[in-house]
Amino acid sequence: MTTRSIPRTDFAIVCGSANWGLRFPEDLDEPGVTVVERDLEFDTPWGPSAEWKVLEIDGSRTSDGKTRTVLTVFSHGWPLNGIDHAAHRRVFWLLQEAGVRKVIACSTAGSLNRAVFAGDFVIASDMLELTQTQHSLLPSRYAYDCSGKQLVCPACAAIMEATAKSLWSTDARVFGPRSRLVAAHAWGPRLTSPAEVTAYRSLGADFINHSLAPEATLAREIGACFVNCAFITAAFENYFSPPEHKLLGVEEGALRNMKLAASRIALRAIAAFDADAGCVCSNLRSPMPEDYAGRR
């Protein structure tokens, strides 16, 4: 259904391929988590954005002991019937209107690093996106400077790492912010070619997907903290195997278990976040002097 009333909240989870095949969060049966509304569609200046849910997390599960409202959207806000990279802008416009200050983005990724294996949980420390975000939310070139420093919130990343270590399979590893992993971006939907893997790796990237970098940039543009919740489904060497071999390095049964675990990690991390954590993320979007555009 379409609604013009956007719920106010500090917290949001942008779902992605880490949640595909699941009803998030219903299939998790996570204690204290309730779906208040679902199948929501909101108007934006660039058209509707659909597949939203409003969740409530009971105060017994949150860091401040208060009931917490969380906005979630299916698969980065991508439409079900087409390819539309501008969907990210519509999603983050809605998060801005809702007053969101903490964003978790869920996804899977391909490894660009021989030491990062299929099944590993990865938290980015930086982004490599050479075109930057093509669908900016900034009102003009003259409104704000948005720093590229600290695109991933260290306070949120520390909570994400601790939560993942408590829930992720001991058969794999959790790479936290001290690992300094760099996430590269390709718009997709085509998967990365061997030549592209080699190029991105030579530039210093450790894993790649189709969503994290534009979401990190848009989070910066709305002054929100950002962290990813992701795991590796394609190992580095898989990109160079014969074409008849599968790219995914995770079997379907194990993949579903990883999706369940990652989804649970996202819910528990968002419940553990402190809305007023002492980070500088919101200050990394700074207003420009008015006379930059006023004197011309």
Foldseek 3Di string as FASTA:
>chain_A
DEDADQAAFQAEEEEAPLQPPHDPPVVLPDPQKDWPDFFYWYADPVGIQTTKTWMWGQLVQFQVSHIHIYIYHYHCSADPPDGDLLSVVVVLVSCLVNNHAEYEYEYEWAWLDQVAFAQEKEKAQAEAEPVADPNAPDPDPQWKQFDRHRLAFLVLQVLLQVLCVVQGDPVYYYHTVVNNAYEYEDQDPDDDALVRSVVVVVVPHTIYDRDDRNNSRSSLVSLHHYIYTYGYQAYNCLNVDPPVDDRGPDDPVVSVVSSSRSSVSVVSSSRYDDSPDPTCSSVSIGTHDPVVPVPD
